[in-house]
Structure formats: structure tokens, C-alpha cells
Amino acid sequence: MVLTQRSTPVVVPVLETARLRLRGHRQDDFADRCAMWADPVVTRHIGGNPFPPENVWSTLLRCVGHWAVLGYGYWVIEDRETGKFVGEAGFADFKRDITPSFDGMPEIGWALSSWAHGRGFATEAVRAMLAWADGHFGDTPSVCMIDPENAASIRVALKCGYRETDRTTYKGEPTILFRRDAAKTG
């Protein structure tokens, strides 16, 4: 099999809020991502262990690949004023083996550097992404899964219109599933 270079670049929309800019991932985000994903405060509710650089690199490529293949994906979140890396958030289809299934529904997620916790950045970014999603996913609802001990992310989900639908397990660990119906536009 011969791989050919894509003739047209993937254009990731840039979203802006009062304090944040959400943009596509770049290779030079790798160091900031490594620092964030090596922080046990960040990974406490996302797998439980810091991520080695190899995993951070493969997830960076997965972020780019989602946009190329599905037309949606994750954004880097940065401070609009300083350009400082805040975290990342977006929509994905991870083909999770979970019951109940949420195949066909974009899964939203977010992770912020520990310095950015508690400042309202996650809610601000999620609201911007949902405004974008309401114009792009039609009537398709979105879902998220959150560790039951992650009270901060549960608060963000509830503030942004998600409601708890199920308590289940994923990879042997308890998780809560949330769903948000698309906002009616037009």
C-alpha cells in the first residue's frame, strides 16, 4: 500500500470566547501536551496515571486525524491574551466498547492544565464548542463520560446542558454517562 499526501489541508475552525481561543493541534503543541498529561492532577480522573510522551504523541495524531476523517475533533485551548496553553477539548468517536453504546453520537471531552483548574475555562470552552456543534451535528445529541469522583467535570457538564443517563463501567472502572440533546437552530 502506498500512502499519498492529502492534497487539501484540513481546516479546523477557530473558536473564540472572551478569554480563550480554540484552534487545531500543531506539532509544536507536543511539549505543552506532555507537561499537561504528565501531571497526576490532570490524569487522576482520566485513566489514573500520567501519560508517557509516546502516548501523548499518538493522541496528538488522533486529534488531527479526527478532523481529517470525521470533520470534527479536538481543539487546543489557549489564553487569547497570552497564547498560553490552557488544555484541550473537543468531540470524538473513540469506538468505545461500553454498554449502553453511544455509537453515532459525538463524545465531548475536556482536559485542562492544573494551573487552569477552577477558573471557569472548561465551562467557557465547552459552551463555545456546543454552539459550534449545534450548527454542525444537526439533531444528533452529544454524550460524555465522567469519573463519578470528578465533581468539577460533572458540574461543567450539568451547567452546559448535559443530563445523567446511566451509571456503568468502562475498562472495569465506574463511570457516569451524560447526554445533551442538540439545541434547536433556525
N, C-alpha and C. Protein backbone atom coordinates (compact mmCIF):
# COMPACT_ATOMS: atom_id res chain seq x y z
N MET A 1 0.84 -1.17 0.00
CA MET A 1 0.00 0.00 0.00
C MET A 1 0.89 1.24 0.00
N VAL A 2 0.57 2.18 -0.82
CA VAL A 2 1.31 3.43 -0.91
C VAL A 2 0.45 4.53 -0.32
N LEU A 3 1.01 5.26 0.63
CA LEU A 3 0.30 6.38 1.21
C LEU A 3 0.65 7.63 0.43
N THR A 4 -0.36 8.39 0.12
CA THR A 4 -0.12 9.64 -0.60
C THR A 4 -0.46 10.81 0.30
N GLN A 5 0.16 11.92 0.02
CA GLN A 5 -0.11 13.11 0.80
C GLN A 5 -1.47 13.67 0.42
N ARG A 6 -2.20 14.11 1.39
CA ARG A 6 -3.51 14.72 1.16
C ARG A 6 -3.30 16.02 0.39
N SER A 7 -4.12 16.24 -0.62
CA SER A 7 -3.91 17.41 -1.46
C SER A 7 -4.48 18.68 -0.86
N THR A 8 -5.48 18.57 0.00
CA THR A 8 -6.02 19.76 0.63
C THR A 8 -5.86 19.65 2.14
N PRO A 9 -5.38 20.69 2.77
CA PRO A 9 -5.19 20.63 4.22
C PRO A 9 -6.53 20.62 4.95
N VAL A 10 -6.52 20.03 6.12
CA VAL A 10 -7.71 20.02 6.97
C VAL A 10 -7.81 21.39 7.63
N VAL A 11 -8.97 21.99 7.54
CA VAL A 11 -9.18 23.28 8.16
C VAL A 11 -9.99 23.07 9.44
N VAL A 12 -9.36 23.35 10.56
CA VAL A 12 -10.03 23.26 11.85
C VAL A 12 -10.55 24.65 12.19
N PRO A 13 -11.84 24.78 12.46
CA PRO A 13 -12.36 26.11 12.78
C PRO A 13 -11.74 26.65 14.06
N VAL A 14 -11.52 27.93 14.10
CA VAL A 14 -11.03 28.60 15.30
C VAL A 14 -12.24 29.18 16.01
N LEU A 15 -12.37 28.85 17.30
CA LEU A 15 -13.46 29.38 18.12
C LEU A 15 -12.85 30.34 19.13
N GLU A 16 -13.52 31.46 19.36
CA GLU A 16 -13.02 32.41 20.34
C GLU A 16 -14.11 32.75 21.34
N THR A 17 -13.70 32.90 22.58
CA THR A 17 -14.57 33.34 23.65
C THR A 17 -13.95 34.61 24.24
N ALA A 18 -14.51 35.09 25.31
CA ALA A 18 -13.96 36.31 25.93
C ALA A 18 -12.50 36.12 26.33
N ARG A 19 -12.15 34.92 26.81
CA ARG A 19 -10.78 34.71 27.31
C ARG A 19 -9.98 33.67 26.55
N LEU A 20 -10.64 32.87 25.72
CA LEU A 20 -9.99 31.69 25.15
C LEU A 20 -10.03 31.69 23.63
N ARG A 21 -9.06 30.99 23.07
CA ARG A 21 -9.05 30.66 21.64
C ARG A 21 -8.93 29.14 21.55
N LEU A 22 -9.80 28.54 20.76
CA LEU A 22 -9.74 27.10 20.49
C LEU A 22 -9.31 26.95 19.04
N ARG A 23 -8.22 26.21 18.83
CA ARG A 23 -7.64 26.06 17.49
C ARG A 23 -7.17 24.63 17.31
N GLY A 24 -6.85 24.29 16.08
CA GLY A 24 -6.36 22.95 15.78
C GLY A 24 -4.99 22.69 16.39
N HIS A 25 -4.70 21.41 16.56
CA HIS A 25 -3.41 20.99 17.11
C HIS A 25 -2.29 21.18 16.09
N ARG A 26 -1.11 21.48 16.62
CA ARG A 26 0.10 21.61 15.79
C ARG A 26 1.20 20.77 16.44
N GLN A 27 2.20 20.44 15.66
CA GLN A 27 3.32 19.67 16.19
C GLN A 27 3.97 20.37 17.37
N ASP A 28 4.03 21.70 17.33
CA ASP A 28 4.70 22.42 18.42
C ASP A 28 3.87 22.46 19.71
N ASP A 29 2.69 21.85 19.74
CA ASP A 29 1.92 21.70 20.98
C ASP A 29 2.41 20.52 21.81
N PHE A 30 3.30 19.71 21.24
CA PHE A 30 3.71 18.47 21.89
C PHE A 30 4.28 18.69 23.29
N ALA A 31 5.17 19.65 23.47
CA ALA A 31 5.78 19.86 24.79
C ALA A 31 4.74 20.27 25.83
N ASP A 32 3.84 21.17 25.47
CA ASP A 32 2.78 21.58 26.41
C ASP A 32 1.86 20.41 26.73
N ARG A 33 1.55 19.60 25.74
CA ARG A 33 0.70 18.43 25.97
C ARG A 33 1.42 17.43 26.88
N CYS A 34 2.71 17.23 26.65
CA CYS A 34 3.48 16.31 27.51
C CYS A 34 3.44 16.78 28.95
N ALA A 35 3.62 18.07 29.17
CA ALA A 35 3.59 18.60 30.53
C ALA A 35 2.22 18.39 31.17
N MET A 36 1.15 18.68 30.42
CA MET A 36 -0.19 18.53 30.98
C MET A 36 -0.49 17.06 31.30
N TRP A 37 -0.22 16.17 30.35
CA TRP A 37 -0.58 14.76 30.53
C TRP A 37 0.38 14.02 31.47
N ALA A 38 1.49 14.63 31.84
CA ALA A 38 2.38 14.03 32.85
C ALA A 38 1.97 14.42 34.27
N ASP A 39 1.04 15.34 34.39
CA ASP A 39 0.60 15.86 35.68
C ASP A 39 -0.44 14.94 36.30
N PRO A 40 -0.13 14.32 37.45
CA PRO A 40 -1.09 13.40 38.07
C PRO A 40 -2.40 14.08 38.49
N VAL A 41 -2.39 15.39 38.69
CA VAL A 41 -3.63 16.11 38.99
C VAL A 41 -4.56 16.06 37.78
N VAL A 42 -4.00 16.19 36.60
CA VAL A 42 -4.79 16.16 35.36
C VAL A 42 -5.31 14.75 35.08
N THR A 43 -4.48 13.76 35.26
CA THR A 43 -4.85 12.39 34.86
C THR A 43 -5.58 11.60 35.94
N ARG A 44 -5.71 12.18 37.12
CA ARG A 44 -6.35 11.49 38.24
C ARG A 44 -7.68 10.86 37.85
N HIS A 45 -8.51 11.57 37.08
CA HIS A 45 -9.83 11.07 36.68
C HIS A 45 -9.87 10.62 35.22
N ILE A 46 -8.72 10.62 34.57
CA ILE A 46 -8.65 10.21 33.16
C ILE A 46 -7.61 9.10 33.06
N GLY A 47 -8.01 7.92 33.41
CA GLY A 47 -7.11 6.78 33.35
C GLY A 47 -6.30 6.56 34.61
N GLY A 48 -6.14 7.59 35.43
CA GLY A 48 -5.49 7.43 36.72
C GLY A 48 -3.98 7.55 36.75
N ASN A 49 -3.33 7.51 35.60
CA ASN A 49 -1.87 7.56 35.57
C ASN A 49 -1.39 8.58 34.55
N PRO A 50 -0.27 9.26 34.84
CA PRO A 50 0.31 10.16 33.84
C PRO A 50 0.61 9.42 32.54
N PHE A 51 0.56 10.15 31.43
CA PHE A 51 0.79 9.56 30.12
C PHE A 51 2.25 9.77 29.71
N PRO A 52 2.92 8.73 29.23
CA PRO A 52 4.28 8.92 28.71
C PRO A 52 4.25 9.66 27.37
N PRO A 53 5.35 10.28 26.99
CA PRO A 53 5.40 11.03 25.74
C PRO A 53 4.90 10.24 24.52
N GLU A 54 5.19 8.95 24.46
CA GLU A 54 4.74 8.13 23.33
C GLU A 54 3.21 8.19 23.20
N ASN A 55 2.49 8.09 24.31
CA ASN A 55 1.03 8.15 24.28
C ASN A 55 0.55 9.55 23.94
N VAL A 56 1.24 10.56 24.45
CA VAL A 56 0.87 11.94 24.16
C VAL A 56 1.01 12.21 22.66
N TRP A 57 2.07 11.69 22.05
CA TRP A 57 2.27 11.88 20.61
C TRP A 57 1.15 11.18 19.83
N SER A 58 0.82 9.94 20.19
CA SER A 58 -0.22 9.22 19.43
C SER A 58 -1.58 9.89 19.59
N THR A 59 -1.86 10.45 20.77
CA THR A 59 -3.14 11.14 20.91
C THR A 59 -3.15 12.48 20.16
N LEU A 60 -2.00 13.13 20.03
CA LEU A 60 -1.94 14.33 19.21
C LEU A 60 -2.30 13.98 17.76
N LEU A 61 -1.75 12.89 17.27
CA LEU A 61 -2.08 12.46 15.90
C LEU A 61 -3.54 12.07 15.79
N ARG A 62 -4.10 11.47 16.83
CA ARG A 62 -5.52 11.11 16.82
C ARG A 62 -6.38 12.38 16.78
N CYS A 63 -5.96 13.42 17.48
CA CYS A 63 -6.71 14.69 17.44
C CYS A 63 -6.75 15.24 16.02
N VAL A 64 -5.62 15.24 15.35
CA VAL A 64 -5.55 15.72 13.96
C VAL A 64 -6.36 14.81 13.05
N GLY A 65 -6.26 13.51 13.26
CA GLY A 65 -6.95 12.54 12.42
C GLY A 65 -8.46 12.63 12.50
N HIS A 66 -9.00 12.93 13.66
CA HIS A 66 -10.45 13.08 13.77
C HIS A 66 -10.96 14.15 12.80
N TRP A 67 -10.29 15.28 12.76
CA TRP A 67 -10.71 16.34 11.85
C TRP A 67 -10.61 15.89 10.40
N ALA A 68 -9.53 15.20 10.07
CA ALA A 68 -9.32 14.77 8.68
C ALA A 68 -10.35 13.74 8.23
N VAL A 69 -10.71 12.83 9.12
CA VAL A 69 -11.60 11.73 8.74
C VAL A 69 -13.06 12.05 9.00
N LEU A 70 -13.37 12.68 10.13
CA LEU A 70 -14.76 12.87 10.53
C LEU A 70 -15.28 14.30 10.40
N GLY A 71 -14.39 15.26 10.23
CA GLY A 71 -14.83 16.65 10.12
C GLY A 71 -15.11 17.30 11.47
N TYR A 72 -14.71 16.66 12.54
CA TYR A 72 -14.77 17.22 13.87
C TYR A 72 -13.67 16.58 14.70
N GLY A 73 -13.37 17.17 15.84
CA GLY A 73 -12.30 16.64 16.67
C GLY A 73 -12.03 17.52 17.87
N TYR A 74 -10.80 17.49 18.31
CA TYR A 74 -10.38 18.23 19.49
C TYR A 74 -9.65 19.51 19.08
N TRP A 75 -9.77 20.49 19.93
CA TRP A 75 -9.07 21.75 19.79
C TRP A 75 -8.05 21.90 20.92
N VAL A 76 -7.00 22.67 20.66
CA VAL A 76 -6.12 23.17 21.72
C VAL A 76 -6.82 24.41 22.27
N ILE A 77 -6.82 24.54 23.58
CA ILE A 77 -7.37 25.74 24.23
C ILE A 77 -6.19 26.59 24.66
N GLU A 78 -6.20 27.84 24.25
CA GLU A 78 -5.13 28.74 24.68
C GLU A 78 -5.72 30.05 25.18
N ASP A 79 -4.98 30.72 26.03
CA ASP A 79 -5.37 32.03 26.53
C ASP A 79 -5.28 33.02 25.37
N ARG A 80 -6.36 33.74 25.10
CA ARG A 80 -6.38 34.68 23.96
C ARG A 80 -5.35 35.78 24.12
N GLU A 81 -5.17 36.25 25.34
CA GLU A 81 -4.28 37.38 25.55
C GLU A 81 -2.81 37.00 25.47
N THR A 82 -2.44 35.84 26.04
CA THR A 82 -1.03 35.48 26.14
C THR A 82 -0.62 34.35 25.19
N GLY A 83 -1.58 33.58 24.69
CA GLY A 83 -1.26 32.41 23.88
C GLY A 83 -0.86 31.20 24.71
N LYS A 84 -0.91 31.32 26.03
CA LYS A 84 -0.51 30.22 26.91
C LYS A 84 -1.44 29.02 26.73
N PHE A 85 -0.85 27.83 26.71
CA PHE A 85 -1.58 26.58 26.59
C PHE A 85 -2.43 26.37 27.84
N VAL A 86 -3.75 26.21 27.65
CA VAL A 86 -4.68 26.00 28.76
C VAL A 86 -5.05 24.53 28.87
N GLY A 87 -5.23 23.88 27.71
CA GLY A 87 -5.64 22.47 27.69
C GLY A 87 -6.15 22.10 26.32
N GLU A 88 -7.06 21.14 26.31
CA GLU A 88 -7.67 20.73 25.04
C GLU A 88 -9.05 20.18 25.31
N ALA A 89 -9.88 20.29 24.28
CA ALA A 89 -11.27 19.84 24.40
C ALA A 89 -11.83 19.64 23.01
N GLY A 90 -12.86 18.83 22.91
CA GLY A 90 -13.48 18.65 21.61
C GLY A 90 -14.43 17.48 21.59
N PHE A 91 -14.68 17.03 20.37
CA PHE A 91 -15.59 15.91 20.12
C PHE A 91 -14.81 14.79 19.44
N ALA A 92 -15.21 13.56 19.72
CA ALA A 92 -14.51 12.42 19.14
C ALA A 92 -15.46 11.25 18.97
N ASP A 93 -14.99 10.30 18.20
CA ASP A 93 -15.63 8.99 18.10
C ASP A 93 -14.52 7.99 18.39
N PHE A 94 -14.49 7.50 19.63
CA PHE A 94 -13.43 6.60 20.07
C PHE A 94 -13.80 5.13 19.89
N LYS A 95 -14.99 4.84 19.35
CA LYS A 95 -15.44 3.45 19.14
C LYS A 95 -15.33 2.67 20.45
N ARG A 96 -15.83 3.27 21.53
CA ARG A 96 -15.71 2.65 22.84
C ARG A 96 -16.58 1.40 22.95
N ASP A 97 -16.04 0.40 23.60
CA ASP A 97 -16.78 -0.82 23.92
C ASP A 97 -17.42 -0.61 25.28
N ILE A 98 -18.60 -0.02 25.27
CA ILE A 98 -19.28 0.35 26.51
C ILE A 98 -20.77 0.07 26.36
N THR A 99 -21.40 -0.32 27.46
CA THR A 99 -22.84 -0.53 27.48
C THR A 99 -23.42 0.41 28.53
N PRO A 100 -24.42 1.20 28.14
CA PRO A 100 -25.03 1.25 26.82
C PRO A 100 -24.12 1.96 25.82
N SER A 101 -24.27 1.56 24.58
CA SER A 101 -23.47 2.12 23.50
C SER A 101 -23.90 3.56 23.21
N PHE A 102 -22.94 4.37 22.82
CA PHE A 102 -23.30 5.69 22.30
C PHE A 102 -22.73 5.90 20.90
N ASP A 103 -22.67 4.79 20.14
CA ASP A 103 -22.25 4.87 18.75
C ASP A 103 -23.13 5.86 17.99
N GLY A 104 -22.50 6.62 17.12
CA GLY A 104 -23.23 7.58 16.30
C GLY A 104 -23.44 8.93 16.95
N MET A 105 -23.04 9.06 18.21
CA MET A 105 -23.16 10.34 18.90
C MET A 105 -21.76 10.86 19.23
N PRO A 106 -21.45 12.09 18.85
CA PRO A 106 -20.13 12.64 19.19
C PRO A 106 -19.95 12.68 20.70
N GLU A 107 -18.76 12.29 21.14
CA GLU A 107 -18.42 12.30 22.56
C GLU A 107 -17.57 13.52 22.86
N ILE A 108 -18.07 14.38 23.73
CA ILE A 108 -17.33 15.58 24.11
C ILE A 108 -16.40 15.25 25.28
N GLY A 109 -15.28 15.93 25.31
CA GLY A 109 -14.35 15.75 26.41
C GLY A 109 -13.50 17.00 26.58
N TRP A 110 -12.90 17.14 27.74
CA TRP A 110 -12.04 18.28 28.01
C TRP A 110 -11.02 17.91 29.08
N ALA A 111 -9.86 18.52 28.98
CA ALA A 111 -8.81 18.36 29.98
C ALA A 111 -8.03 19.67 30.00
N LEU A 112 -7.80 20.18 31.19
CA LEU A 112 -7.09 21.45 31.34
C LEU A 112 -5.85 21.26 32.20
N SER A 113 -4.82 22.02 31.89
CA SER A 113 -3.62 22.05 32.72
C SER A 113 -4.03 22.40 34.14
N SER A 114 -3.34 21.85 35.12
CA SER A 114 -3.76 22.03 36.51
C SER A 114 -3.77 23.50 36.93
N TRP A 115 -2.90 24.34 36.36
CA TRP A 115 -2.91 25.76 36.71
C TRP A 115 -4.21 26.44 36.31
N ALA A 116 -4.93 25.85 35.34
CA ALA A 116 -6.15 26.45 34.81
C ALA A 116 -7.42 25.95 35.50
N HIS A 117 -7.30 24.99 36.41
CA HIS A 117 -8.47 24.46 37.10
C HIS A 117 -9.13 25.53 37.97
N GLY A 118 -10.45 25.47 38.04
CA GLY A 118 -11.20 26.35 38.94
C GLY A 118 -11.36 27.78 38.46
N ARG A 119 -11.05 28.06 37.21
CA ARG A 119 -11.14 29.44 36.69
C ARG A 119 -12.29 29.64 35.71
N GLY A 120 -13.11 28.60 35.52
CA GLY A 120 -14.24 28.71 34.59
C GLY A 120 -13.87 28.48 33.14
N PHE A 121 -12.61 28.12 32.86
CA PHE A 121 -12.18 27.92 31.48
C PHE A 121 -12.89 26.73 30.83
N ALA A 122 -13.09 25.65 31.57
CA ALA A 122 -13.74 24.47 30.98
C ALA A 122 -15.15 24.80 30.55
N THR A 123 -15.91 25.45 31.40
CA THR A 123 -17.29 25.82 31.04
C THR A 123 -17.30 26.75 29.84
N GLU A 124 -16.40 27.70 29.82
CA GLU A 124 -16.32 28.65 28.70
C GLU A 124 -16.00 27.93 27.39
N ALA A 125 -15.05 27.01 27.42
CA ALA A 125 -14.68 26.26 26.22
C ALA A 125 -15.80 25.32 25.78
N VAL A 126 -16.41 24.62 26.73
CA VAL A 126 -17.48 23.68 26.38
C VAL A 126 -18.65 24.43 25.77
N ARG A 127 -19.02 25.56 26.31
CA ARG A 127 -20.13 26.33 25.72
C ARG A 127 -19.82 26.77 24.29
N ALA A 128 -18.59 27.17 24.04
CA ALA A 128 -18.21 27.56 22.67
C ALA A 128 -18.28 26.36 21.73
N MET A 129 -17.81 25.21 22.20
CA MET A 129 -17.85 24.01 21.35
C MET A 129 -19.28 23.57 21.08
N LEU A 130 -20.14 23.69 22.08
CA LEU A 130 -21.54 23.29 21.88
C LEU A 130 -22.26 24.22 20.91
N ALA A 131 -21.94 25.50 20.94
CA ALA A 131 -22.51 26.43 19.96
C ALA A 131 -22.08 26.01 18.56
N TRP A 132 -20.82 25.63 18.40
CA TRP A 132 -20.33 25.13 17.11
C TRP A 132 -21.05 23.84 16.74
N ALA A 133 -21.16 22.92 17.69
CA ALA A 133 -21.77 21.61 17.44
C ALA A 133 -23.23 21.75 17.02
N ASP A 134 -23.95 22.67 17.64
CA ASP A 134 -25.37 22.84 17.30
C ASP A 134 -25.55 23.23 15.84
N GLY A 135 -24.56 23.86 15.26
CA GLY A 135 -24.64 24.20 13.84
C GLY A 135 -24.06 23.14 12.92
N HIS A 136 -23.45 22.09 13.47
CA HIS A 136 -22.77 21.11 12.64
C HIS A 136 -23.27 19.68 12.78
N PHE A 137 -23.85 19.33 13.90
CA PHE A 137 -24.29 17.95 14.11
C PHE A 137 -25.79 17.77 13.90
N GLY A 138 -26.48 18.83 13.51
CA GLY A 138 -27.92 18.71 13.30
C GLY A 138 -28.63 18.32 14.58
N ASP A 139 -29.53 17.34 14.49
CA ASP A 139 -30.31 16.91 15.65
C ASP A 139 -29.60 15.83 16.47
N THR A 140 -28.37 15.48 16.10
CA THR A 140 -27.64 14.42 16.80
C THR A 140 -27.22 14.89 18.18
N PRO A 141 -27.60 14.15 19.23
CA PRO A 141 -27.14 14.53 20.57
C PRO A 141 -25.66 14.24 20.75
N SER A 142 -25.06 14.84 21.76
CA SER A 142 -23.69 14.52 22.12
C SER A 142 -23.69 13.89 23.51
N VAL A 143 -22.62 13.18 23.80
CA VAL A 143 -22.51 12.45 25.06
C VAL A 143 -21.16 12.74 25.71
N CYS A 144 -21.06 12.41 26.98
CA CYS A 144 -19.76 12.42 27.64
C CYS A 144 -19.79 11.40 28.75
N MET A 145 -18.61 10.94 29.12
CA MET A 145 -18.48 10.02 30.25
C MET A 145 -17.51 10.63 31.24
N ILE A 146 -17.90 10.56 32.53
CA ILE A 146 -17.12 11.24 33.56
C ILE A 146 -16.97 10.31 34.76
N ASP A 147 -15.77 10.28 35.30
CA ASP A 147 -15.48 9.55 36.53
C ASP A 147 -16.41 10.08 37.62
N PRO A 148 -17.10 9.19 38.36
CA PRO A 148 -18.02 9.65 39.40
C PRO A 148 -17.37 10.53 40.47
N GLU A 149 -16.05 10.45 40.62
CA GLU A 149 -15.36 11.27 41.63
C GLU A 149 -14.90 12.62 41.08
N ASN A 150 -15.15 12.87 39.81
CA ASN A 150 -14.71 14.12 39.18
C ASN A 150 -15.83 15.16 39.27
N ALA A 151 -16.02 15.68 40.48
CA ALA A 151 -17.11 16.62 40.73
C ALA A 151 -17.02 17.88 39.86
N ALA A 152 -15.81 18.36 39.59
CA ALA A 152 -15.66 19.58 38.78
C ALA A 152 -16.18 19.36 37.36
N SER A 153 -15.83 18.25 36.73
CA SER A 153 -16.30 17.99 35.37
C SER A 153 -17.80 17.70 35.34
N ILE A 154 -18.30 17.06 36.38
CA ILE A 154 -19.75 16.84 36.44
C ILE A 154 -20.48 18.18 36.50
N ARG A 155 -19.96 19.13 37.29
CA ARG A 155 -20.57 20.46 37.35
C ARG A 155 -20.54 21.15 35.99
N VAL A 156 -19.43 21.04 35.27
CA VAL A 156 -19.33 21.64 33.94
C VAL A 156 -20.38 21.02 33.01
N ALA A 157 -20.47 19.70 33.01
CA ALA A 157 -21.44 19.03 32.14
C ALA A 157 -22.87 19.49 32.44
N LEU A 158 -23.22 19.52 33.71
CA LEU A 158 -24.58 19.93 34.08
C LEU A 158 -24.86 21.38 33.71
N LYS A 159 -23.88 22.27 33.94
CA LYS A 159 -24.05 23.69 33.59
C LYS A 159 -24.24 23.88 32.09
N CYS A 160 -23.67 22.96 31.31
CA CYS A 160 -23.71 23.09 29.85
C CYS A 160 -24.84 22.28 29.21
N GLY A 161 -25.77 21.80 30.01
CA GLY A 161 -26.96 21.17 29.46
C GLY A 161 -26.94 19.66 29.37
N TYR A 162 -25.92 19.01 29.89
CA TYR A 162 -25.88 17.55 29.88
C TYR A 162 -26.69 17.04 31.07
N ARG A 163 -27.29 15.87 30.89
CA ARG A 163 -28.00 15.23 31.98
C ARG A 163 -27.51 13.80 32.11
N GLU A 164 -27.45 13.33 33.33
CA GLU A 164 -27.01 11.96 33.57
C GLU A 164 -28.02 10.99 32.98
N THR A 165 -27.49 9.98 32.26
CA THR A 165 -28.37 8.96 31.67
C THR A 165 -28.11 7.58 32.23
N ASP A 166 -26.85 7.27 32.57
CA ASP A 166 -26.52 5.92 33.03
C ASP A 166 -25.31 5.95 33.94
N ARG A 167 -25.26 4.95 34.81
CA ARG A 167 -24.05 4.65 35.58
C ARG A 167 -23.64 3.26 35.14
N THR A 168 -22.40 3.13 34.71
CA THR A 168 -21.93 1.87 34.15
C THR A 168 -20.45 1.72 34.48
N THR A 169 -19.79 0.80 33.81
CA THR A 169 -18.34 0.67 33.95
C THR A 169 -17.70 0.75 32.58
N TYR A 170 -16.46 1.22 32.58
CA TYR A 170 -15.66 1.26 31.36
C TYR A 170 -14.26 0.80 31.75
N LYS A 171 -13.79 -0.25 31.09
CA LYS A 171 -12.49 -0.85 31.40
C LYS A 171 -12.41 -1.19 32.90
N GLY A 172 -13.52 -1.69 33.44
CA GLY A 172 -13.55 -2.14 34.81
C GLY A 172 -13.70 -1.06 35.86
N GLU A 173 -13.81 0.19 35.44
CA GLU A 173 -13.93 1.31 36.38
C GLU A 173 -15.31 1.95 36.26
N PRO A 174 -15.86 2.44 37.37
CA PRO A 174 -17.18 3.08 37.30
C PRO A 174 -17.12 4.38 36.50
N THR A 175 -18.19 4.66 35.78
CA THR A 175 -18.28 5.91 35.02
C THR A 175 -19.74 6.33 34.94
N ILE A 176 -19.93 7.61 34.74
CA ILE A 176 -21.28 8.15 34.56
C ILE A 176 -21.38 8.64 33.12
N LEU A 177 -22.47 8.28 32.45
CA LEU A 177 -22.72 8.75 31.09
C LEU A 177 -23.71 9.91 31.14
N PHE A 178 -23.44 10.91 30.33
CA PHE A 178 -24.27 12.10 30.22
C PHE A 178 -24.65 12.30 28.76
N ARG A 179 -25.77 12.96 28.54
CA ARG A 179 -26.24 13.23 27.18
C ARG A 179 -26.81 14.64 27.13
N ARG A 180 -26.60 15.28 25.99
CA ARG A 180 -27.18 16.60 25.71
C ARG A 180 -27.82 16.54 24.35
N ASP A 181 -29.10 16.85 24.30
CA ASP A 181 -29.78 16.92 23.01
C ASP A 181 -29.36 18.20 22.31
N ALA A 182 -29.29 18.12 20.99
CA ALA A 182 -28.87 19.29 20.21
C ALA A 182 -29.86 20.42 20.40
N ALA A 183 -29.36 21.63 20.45
CA ALA A 183 -30.22 22.80 20.53
C ALA A 183 -30.91 22.99 19.20
N LYS A 184 -32.11 23.40 19.25
CA LYS A 184 -32.86 23.66 18.00
C LYS A 184 -32.37 24.97 17.42
N THR A 185 -31.93 24.91 16.17
CA THR A 185 -31.46 26.13 15.50
C THR A 185 -32.41 26.48 14.37
N GLY A 186 -32.39 27.74 13.99
CA GLY A 186 -33.17 28.19 12.84
C GLY A 186 -34.55 28.52 13.14
